[in-house]
């Protein structure tokens, strides 16, 4: 018998890891934007917020793709449970 639930679990974990990583990157980029408008920024830091904004957009796409991976893994696991029941 093939252990398909282990494969689905691995895919699910990859999706969750993608969600966590992109969420962390979005938070870091948002903090850069906030600090660009304060005196707390590093003396060499640019006040340019374009790069963090672009990074937020990129990470949003990664987040959405990871969420789809989690949804598909959830559906596949549900179908697997339904067929084995």
Protein backbone atom coordinates (compact mmCIF):
# COMPACT_ATOMS: atom_id res chain seq x y z
CA UNK A 1 0.00 0.00 0.00
CA UNK A 2 1.31 3.44 -0.91
CA UNK A 3 1.44 5.96 1.92
CA UNK A 4 -0.14 8.94 0.16
CA UNK A 5 -1.04 10.72 3.38
CA UNK A 6 2.69 11.24 4.09
CA UNK A 7 3.09 12.92 0.70
CA UNK A 8 0.07 15.12 1.28
CA UNK A 9 1.40 15.99 4.73
CA UNK A 10 4.72 17.03 3.18
CA UNK A 11 2.96 19.22 0.61
CA UNK A 12 0.82 20.73 3.35
CA UNK A 13 3.95 21.49 5.42
CA UNK A 14 5.62 23.15 2.41
CA UNK A 15 2.58 25.37 1.99
CA UNK A 16 2.56 26.34 5.65
CA UNK A 17 6.30 27.07 5.52
CA UNK A 18 5.72 29.31 2.49
CA UNK A 19 2.98 31.18 4.37
CA UNK A 20 5.22 31.71 7.38
CA UNK A 21 8.24 32.85 5.35
CA UNK A 22 6.30 35.30 3.20
CA UNK A 23 4.47 36.66 6.23
CA UNK A 24 7.81 37.28 7.95
CA UNK A 25 9.21 39.00 4.84
CA UNK A 26 6.13 41.20 4.52
CA UNK A 27 6.49 42.26 8.14
CA UNK A 28 10.18 43.08 7.67
CA UNK A 29 9.46 45.15 4.55
CA UNK A 30 6.65 46.99 6.34
CA UNK A 31 9.01 47.78 9.21
CA UNK A 32 11.52 49.18 6.72
CA UNK A 33 8.82 51.47 5.35
CA UNK A 34 7.90 52.64 8.85
CA UNK A 35 11.53 53.25 9.81
CA UNK A 36 12.18 55.20 6.61
CA UNK A 37 9.98 57.96 8.01
CA UNK A 38 11.61 58.11 11.44
CA UNK A 39 14.89 59.23 12.93
CA UNK A 40 15.56 55.66 14.12
CA UNK A 41 16.79 54.50 10.73
CA UNK A 42 20.45 53.81 10.15
CA UNK A 43 22.45 56.84 8.96
CA UNK A 44 23.18 55.09 5.66
CA UNK A 45 19.59 53.94 5.17
CA UNK A 46 17.74 55.35 2.23
CA UNK A 47 14.33 56.94 2.59
CA UNK A 48 13.36 55.09 -0.59
CA UNK A 49 10.31 52.96 0.08
CA UNK A 50 9.98 51.57 -3.43
CA UNK A 51 12.03 48.41 -2.82
CA UNK A 52 10.13 47.38 0.33
CA UNK A 53 6.82 48.03 -1.47
CA UNK A 54 7.90 45.83 -4.37
CA UNK A 55 9.02 43.13 -1.93
CA UNK A 56 5.63 43.27 -0.23
CA UNK A 57 3.90 42.74 -3.58
CA UNK A 58 6.19 39.81 -4.44
CA UNK A 59 5.68 38.21 -1.06
CA UNK A 60 1.92 38.67 -1.35
CA UNK A 61 1.99 36.57 -4.52
CA UNK A 62 4.07 33.91 -2.76
CA UNK A 63 1.69 33.99 0.21
CA UNK A 64 -1.33 33.51 -2.08
CA UNK A 65 0.36 30.63 -3.92
CA UNK A 66 1.27 28.97 -0.62
CA UNK A 67 -2.32 29.34 0.57
CA UNK A 68 -3.50 27.57 -2.60
CA UNK A 69 -1.02 24.75 -1.91
CA UNK A 70 -2.46 24.37 1.59
CA UNK A 71 -6.03 24.37 0.21
CA UNK A 72 -5.19 21.72 -2.39
CA UNK A 73 -3.42 19.53 0.19
CA UNK A 74 -6.44 19.88 2.47
CA UNK A 75 -8.80 18.86 -0.33
CA UNK A 76 -6.60 15.92 -1.28
CA UNK A 77 -6.42 14.72 2.32
CA UNK A 78 -10.19 15.07 2.64
CA UNK A 79 -10.69 13.03 -0.52
CA UNK A 80 -8.25 10.42 0.75
CA UNK A 81 -10.11 10.16 4.06
CA UNK A 82 -13.46 9.93 2.24
CA UNK A 83 -12.25 7.07 0.02
CA UNK A 84 -10.73 5.12 2.89
CA UNK A 85 -13.79 5.47 5.12
